[in-house]
Amino acid sequence: MTLALISAAFLAGAAAGAFVGSGQPEAAGELLNGEGVYASGSFAGQFMSCAGYPLLVLFLSTSLLGVLLIPAAMAFRGFSLACSAACLAQAYPEEGTALVLTVLGLPALFTVPALFISAHWAGCFSARLLAGFARRPLPMRGRVQGGRASAVILLLLAAAAAERFIVPPLVRALI
């Protein structure tokens, strides 16, 4: 149930973002500065930039309202990703698709799965927290999977490496 809810929220946000972003081609100049979307001074800064949304959903899981706030955060991530893609594609009509796939798509191959793993994990935790507060029977816990945190960290490291070392040369080659 949690995964279906966060997936629906992400897709609804993405649909809204694509609609809004398609009318904002002038905003693409803020997205693309020649060094990639989230250009930072160091690899650690790049990693923290990639880890922002997963850390946000983990923080939201500690709230009794996390079951509502986590889908909202997922919708906003879908919105911002699709809005950025639509702006970039419209601003660069000739190489827009290649730029979107490079600048946004390559890192998203790693950050979006990391976000979904984190959001599912956080949503389940928040639901258990809410059930415990309401003194209802707690939802069943699945088997413990210690590899989730490791998988999220590895995905975020891969995303940071892609944004830091692969995206900038490809963007320079495309423009």
C-alpha atoms as a PDB file:
ATOM      1  CA  MET A   1       0.000   0.000   0.000  1.00  0.00           C
ATOM      2  CA  THR A   2       2.782   2.432   0.898  1.00  0.00           C
ATOM      3  CA  LEU A   3       4.645   1.833  -2.348  1.00  0.00           C
ATOM      4  CA  ALA A   4       1.490   2.331  -4.411  1.00  0.00           C
ATOM      5  CA  LEU A   5       0.745   5.614  -2.636  1.00  0.00           C
ATOM      6  CA  ILE A   6       4.242   7.060  -3.069  1.00  0.00           C
ATOM      7  CA  SER A   7       4.352   5.905  -6.695  1.00  0.00           C
ATOM      8  CA  ALA A   8       1.021   7.565  -7.452  1.00  0.00           C
ATOM      9  CA  ALA A   9       2.162  10.766  -5.753  1.00  0.00           C
ATOM     10  CA  PHE A  10       5.433  10.785  -7.734  1.00  0.00           C
ATOM     11  CA  LEU A  11       3.620  10.211 -11.038  1.00  0.00           C
ATOM     12  CA  ALA A  12       0.991  12.865 -10.301  1.00  0.00           C
ATOM     13  CA  GLY A  13       3.738  15.348  -9.493  1.00  0.00           C
ATOM     14  CA  ALA A  14       5.611  14.399 -12.649  1.00  0.00           C
ATOM     15  CA  ALA A  15       2.516  14.916 -14.795  1.00  0.00           C
ATOM     16  CA  ALA A  16       1.905  18.334 -13.250  1.00  0.00           C
ATOM     17  CA  GLY A  17       5.574  19.255 -13.628  1.00  0.00           C
ATOM     18  CA  ALA A  18       5.652  18.324 -17.298  1.00  0.00           C
ATOM     19  CA  PHE A  19       2.568  20.447 -17.912  1.00  0.00           C
ATOM     20  CA  VAL A  20       3.893  23.479 -16.016  1.00  0.00           C
ATOM     21  CA  GLY A  21       7.473  23.177 -17.263  1.00  0.00           C
ATOM     22  CA  SER A  22       6.523  23.035 -20.912  1.00  0.00           C
ATOM     23  CA  GLY A  23       5.479  26.682 -20.709  1.00  0.00           C
ATOM     24  CA  GLN A  24       8.663  27.933 -19.022  1.00  0.00           C
ATOM     25  CA  PRO A  25      11.569  27.629 -21.497  1.00  0.00           C
ATOM     26  CA  GLU A  26      13.297  30.766 -20.138  1.00  0.00           C
ATOM     27  CA  ALA A  27      13.869  28.986 -16.796  1.00  0.00           C
ATOM     28  CA  ALA A  28      16.262  26.505 -18.419  1.00  0.00           C
ATOM     29  CA  GLY A  29      19.152  28.961 -18.171  1.00  0.00           C
ATOM     30  CA  GLU A  30      19.099  28.455 -14.413  1.00  0.00           C
ATOM     31  CA  LEU A  31      19.235  24.679 -14.808  1.00  0.00           C
ATOM     32  CA  LEU A  32      22.148  24.368 -17.171  1.00  0.00           C
ATOM     33  CA  ASN A  33      25.338  26.192 -16.351  1.00  0.00           C
ATOM     34  CA  GLY A  34      27.777  24.005 -18.270  1.00  0.00           C
ATOM     35  CA  GLU A  35      28.790  21.953 -15.244  1.00  0.00           C
ATOM     36  CA  GLY A  36      25.616  19.902 -14.817  1.00  0.00           C
ATOM     37  CA  VAL A  37      22.457  20.595 -12.903  1.00  0.00           C
ATOM     38  CA  TYR A  38      23.773  20.416  -9.353  1.00  0.00           C
ATOM     39  CA  ALA A  39      27.321  21.603  -9.849  1.00  0.00           C
ATOM     40  CA  SER A  40      29.148  21.674  -6.517  1.00  0.00           C
ATOM     41  CA  GLY A  41      32.706  22.361  -5.530  1.00  0.00           C
ATOM     42  CA  SER A  42      33.451  18.865  -4.284  1.00  0.00           C
ATOM     43  CA  PHE A  43      32.332  15.286  -4.563  1.00  0.00           C
ATOM     44  CA  ALA A  44      31.009  15.458  -0.989  1.00  0.00           C
ATOM     45  CA  GLY A  45      28.876  18.455  -1.940  1.00  0.00           C
ATOM     46  CA  GLN A  46      27.603  16.591  -4.979  1.00  0.00           C
ATOM     47  CA  PHE A  47      26.770  13.572  -2.817  1.00  0.00           C
ATOM     48  CA  MET A  48      24.854  15.727  -0.328  1.00  0.00           C
ATOM     49  CA  SER A  49      22.955  17.337  -3.186  1.00  0.00           C
ATOM     50  CA  CYS A  50      21.925  13.904  -4.462  1.00  0.00           C
ATOM     51  CA  ALA A  51      21.020  12.754  -0.941  1.00  0.00           C
ATOM     52  CA  GLY A  52      18.691  15.682  -0.230  1.00  0.00           C
ATOM     53  CA  TYR A  53      15.339  14.052  -1.001  1.00  0.00           C
ATOM     54  CA  PRO A  54      16.136  10.657   0.592  1.00  0.00           C
ATOM     55  CA  LEU A  55      17.264  12.478   3.725  1.00  0.00           C
ATOM     56  CA  LEU A  56      14.103  14.583   3.662  1.00  0.00           C
ATOM     57  CA  VAL A  57      11.808  11.553   3.538  1.00  0.00           C
ATOM     58  CA  LEU A  58      13.773   9.862   6.318  1.00  0.00           C
ATOM     59  CA  PHE A  59      13.385  13.007   8.413  1.00  0.00           C
ATOM     60  CA  LEU A  60       9.646  13.132   7.638  1.00  0.00           C
ATOM     61  CA  SER A  61       9.279   9.528   8.787  1.00  0.00           C
ATOM     62  CA  THR A  62       9.887  10.635  12.366  1.00  0.00           C
ATOM     63  CA  SER A  63       6.670  12.658  12.315  1.00  0.00           C
ATOM     64  CA  LEU A  64       3.181  11.389  13.032  1.00  0.00           C
ATOM     65  CA  LEU A  65       2.179  13.188   9.838  1.00  0.00           C
ATOM     66  CA  GLY A  66       4.884  11.413   7.849  1.00  0.00           C
ATOM     67  CA  VAL A  67       2.329   9.166   6.164  1.00  0.00           C
ATOM     68  CA  LEU A  68       0.946  12.333   4.536  1.00  0.00           C
ATOM     69  CA  LEU A  69       4.144  14.339   4.156  1.00  0.00           C
ATOM     70  CA  ILE A  70       6.210  11.609   2.482  1.00  0.00           C
ATOM     71  CA  PRO A  71       3.825  11.287  -0.516  1.00  0.00           C
ATOM     72  CA  ALA A  72       3.821  15.103  -0.731  1.00  0.00           C
ATOM     73  CA  ALA A  73       7.637  15.093  -0.879  1.00  0.00           C
ATOM     74  CA  MET A  74       7.510  12.415  -3.567  1.00  0.00           C
ATOM     75  CA  ALA A  75       5.010  14.460  -5.578  1.00  0.00           C
ATOM     76  CA  PHE A  76       7.272  17.503  -5.309  1.00  0.00           C
ATOM     77  CA  ARG A  77      10.297  15.480  -6.489  1.00  0.00           C
ATOM     78  CA  GLY A  78       8.336  14.166  -9.470  1.00  0.00           C
ATOM     79  CA  PHE A  79       7.125  17.689 -10.196  1.00  0.00           C
ATOM     80  CA  SER A  80      10.584  19.266 -10.024  1.00  0.00           C
ATOM     81  CA  LEU A  81      12.201  16.554 -12.147  1.00  0.00           C
ATOM     82  CA  ALA A  82       9.537  16.682 -14.881  1.00  0.00           C
ATOM     83  CA  CYS A  83       9.320  20.470 -14.806  1.00  0.00           C
ATOM     84  CA  SER A  84      13.097  20.742 -15.217  1.00  0.00           C
ATOM     85  CA  ALA A  85      13.047  18.224 -18.059  1.00  0.00           C
ATOM     86  CA  ALA A  86      10.272  20.059 -19.903  1.00  0.00           C
ATOM     87  CA  CYS A  87      12.008  23.441 -19.503  1.00  0.00           C
ATOM     88  CA  LEU A  88      15.315  22.088 -20.724  1.00  0.00           C
ATOM     89  CA  ALA A  89      13.800  20.264 -23.685  1.00  0.00           C
ATOM     90  CA  GLN A  90      11.965  23.389 -24.823  1.00  0.00           C
ATOM     91  CA  ALA A  91      14.895  25.740 -24.311  1.00  0.00           C
ATOM     92  CA  TYR A  92      17.185  23.649 -26.524  1.00  0.00           C
ATOM     93  CA  PRO A  93      14.971  22.404 -29.381  1.00  0.00           C
ATOM     94  CA  GLU A  94      17.746  20.660 -31.299  1.00  0.00           C
ATOM     95  CA  GLU A  95      19.680  18.915 -28.549  1.00  0.00           C
ATOM     96  CA  GLY A  96      17.020  19.131 -25.806  1.00  0.00           C
ATOM     97  CA  THR A  97      16.240  15.430 -25.600  1.00  0.00           C
ATOM     98  CA  ALA A  98      19.903  14.491 -25.396  1.00  0.00           C
ATOM     99  CA  LEU A  99      20.496  17.182 -22.752  1.00  0.00           C
ATOM    100  CA  VAL A 100      17.533  16.010 -20.684  1.00  0.00           C
ATOM    101  CA  LEU A 101      18.692  12.417 -20.825  1.00  0.00           C
ATOM    102  CA  THR A 102      22.234  13.436 -19.896  1.00  0.00           C
ATOM    103  CA  VAL A 103      21.707  16.158 -17.310  1.00  0.00           C
ATOM    104  CA  LEU A 104      18.592  14.848 -15.603  1.00  0.00           C
ATOM    105  CA  GLY A 105      18.167  11.257 -16.762  1.00  0.00           C
ATOM    106  CA  LEU A 106      21.595   9.859 -15.993  1.00  0.00           C
ATOM    107  CA  PRO A 107      21.641  10.925 -12.328  1.00  0.00           C
ATOM    108  CA  ALA A 108      17.931  10.072 -11.979  1.00  0.00           C
ATOM    109  CA  LEU A 109      18.738   6.471 -12.880  1.00  0.00           C
ATOM    110  CA  PHE A 110      20.319   6.325  -9.432  1.00  0.00           C
ATOM    111  CA  THR A 111      18.581   8.991  -7.350  1.00  0.00           C
ATOM    112  CA  VAL A 112      14.980   7.978  -8.108  1.00  0.00           C
ATOM    113  CA  PRO A 113      15.387   4.322  -7.039  1.00  0.00           C
ATOM    114  CA  ALA A 114      17.252   5.502  -3.932  1.00  0.00           C
ATOM    115  CA  LEU A 115      14.381   7.863  -3.184  1.00  0.00           C
ATOM    116  CA  PHE A 116      11.763   5.141  -3.632  1.00  0.00           C
ATOM    117  CA  ILE A 117      13.647   2.759  -1.343  1.00  0.00           C
ATOM    118  CA  SER A 118      13.986   5.497   1.270  1.00  0.00           C
ATOM    119  CA  ALA A 119      10.376   6.643   0.924  1.00  0.00           C
ATOM    120  CA  HIS A 120       8.977   3.133   1.237  1.00  0.00           C
ATOM    121  CA  TRP A 121      11.139   2.447   4.247  1.00  0.00           C
ATOM    122  CA  ALA A 122      10.226   5.814   5.803  1.00  0.00           C
ATOM    123  CA  GLY A 123       6.522   5.448   5.035  1.00  0.00           C
ATOM    124  CA  CYS A 124       6.378   2.060   6.737  1.00  0.00           C
ATOM    125  CA  PHE A 125       8.202   3.460   9.761  1.00  0.00           C
ATOM    126  CA  SER A 126       5.867   6.438   9.959  1.00  0.00           C
ATOM    127  CA  ALA A 127       2.808   4.175   9.704  1.00  0.00           C
ATOM    128  CA  ARG A 128       4.123   2.069  12.586  1.00  0.00           C
ATOM    129  CA  LEU A 129       4.796   5.223  14.587  1.00  0.00           C
ATOM    130  CA  LEU A 130       1.269   6.506  13.946  1.00  0.00           C
ATOM    131  CA  ALA A 131      -0.286   3.137  14.814  1.00  0.00           C
ATOM    132  CA  GLY A 132       1.690   3.008  18.053  1.00  0.00           C
ATOM    133  CA  PHE A 133       0.584   6.524  18.956  1.00  0.00           C
ATOM    134  CA  ALA A 134      -3.056   5.699  18.275  1.00  0.00           C
ATOM    135  CA  ARG A 135      -2.653   2.497  20.358  1.00  0.00           C
ATOM    136  CA  ARG A 136      -3.868   0.365  17.534  1.00  0.00           C
ATOM    137  CA  PRO A 137      -2.304  -2.962  16.676  1.00  0.00           C
ATOM    138  CA  LEU A 138       0.939  -2.266  14.867  1.00  0.00           C
ATOM    139  CA  PRO A 139       1.178  -3.267  11.210  1.00  0.00           C
ATOM    140  CA  MET A 140       3.078  -6.445  10.537  1.00  0.00           C
ATOM    141  CA  ARG A 141       6.782  -5.961  10.056  1.00  0.00           C
ATOM    142  CA  GLY A 142       8.396  -7.630   7.127  1.00  0.00           C
ATOM    143  CA  ARG A 143      11.657  -9.420   7.478  1.00  0.00           C
ATOM    144  CA  VAL A 144      14.598  -7.219   8.328  1.00  0.00           C
ATOM    145  CA  GLN A 145      16.550  -6.142   5.265  1.00  0.00           C
ATOM    146  CA  GLY A 146      19.784  -4.518   6.301  1.00  0.00           C
ATOM    147  CA  GLY A 147      20.872  -4.063   2.709  1.00  0.00           C
ATOM    148  CA  ARG A 148      18.433  -1.227   2.040  1.00  0.00           C
ATOM    149  CA  ALA A 149      20.604   1.454   3.616  1.00  0.00           C
ATOM    150  CA  SER A 150      23.661   0.124   1.808  1.00  0.00           C
ATOM    151  CA  ALA A 151      21.791   0.076  -1.491  1.00  0.00           C
ATOM    152  CA  VAL A 152      20.633   3.675  -1.024  1.00  0.00           C
ATOM    153  CA  ILE A 153      24.155   4.856  -0.184  1.00  0.00           C
ATOM    154  CA  LEU A 154      25.635   3.034  -3.191  1.00  0.00           C
ATOM    155  CA  LEU A 155      22.974   4.473  -5.506  1.00  0.00           C
ATOM    156  CA  LEU A 156      23.612   7.989  -4.204  1.00  0.00           C
ATOM    157  CA  LEU A 157      27.375   7.573  -4.592  1.00  0.00           C
ATOM    158  CA  ALA A 158      26.829   6.434  -8.179  1.00  0.00           C
ATOM    159  CA  ALA A 159      24.556   9.418  -8.847  1.00  0.00           C
ATOM    160  CA  ALA A 160      27.090  11.845  -7.393  1.00  0.00           C
ATOM    161  CA  ALA A 161      29.875  10.272  -9.455  1.00  0.00           C
ATOM    162  CA  ALA A 162      27.774  10.513 -12.618  1.00  0.00           C
ATOM    163  CA  GLU A 163      26.901  14.160 -11.978  1.00  0.00           C
ATOM    164  CA  ARG A 164      30.428  15.083 -11.036  1.00  0.00           C
ATOM    165  CA  PHE A 165      32.478  13.195 -13.626  1.00  0.00           C
ATOM    166  CA  ILE A 166      30.239  12.112 -16.522  1.00  0.00           C
ATOM    167  CA  VAL A 167      27.568  14.807 -16.982  1.00  0.00           C
ATOM    168  CA  PRO A 168      29.816  17.906 -17.371  1.00  0.00           C
ATOM    169  CA  PRO A 169      31.913  16.549 -20.270  1.00  0.00           C
ATOM    170  CA  LEU A 170      28.813  15.232 -22.008  1.00  0.00           C
ATOM    171  CA  VAL A 171      27.031  18.585 -21.642  1.00  0.00           C
ATOM    172  CA  ARG A 172      30.054  20.412 -23.056  1.00  0.00           C
ATOM    173  CA  ALA A 173      30.087  17.994 -25.990  1.00  0.00           C
ATOM    174  CA  LEU A 174      26.375  18.490 -26.663  1.00  0.00           C
ATOM    175  CA  ILE A 175      26.307  22.286 -26.487  1.00  0.00           C
END
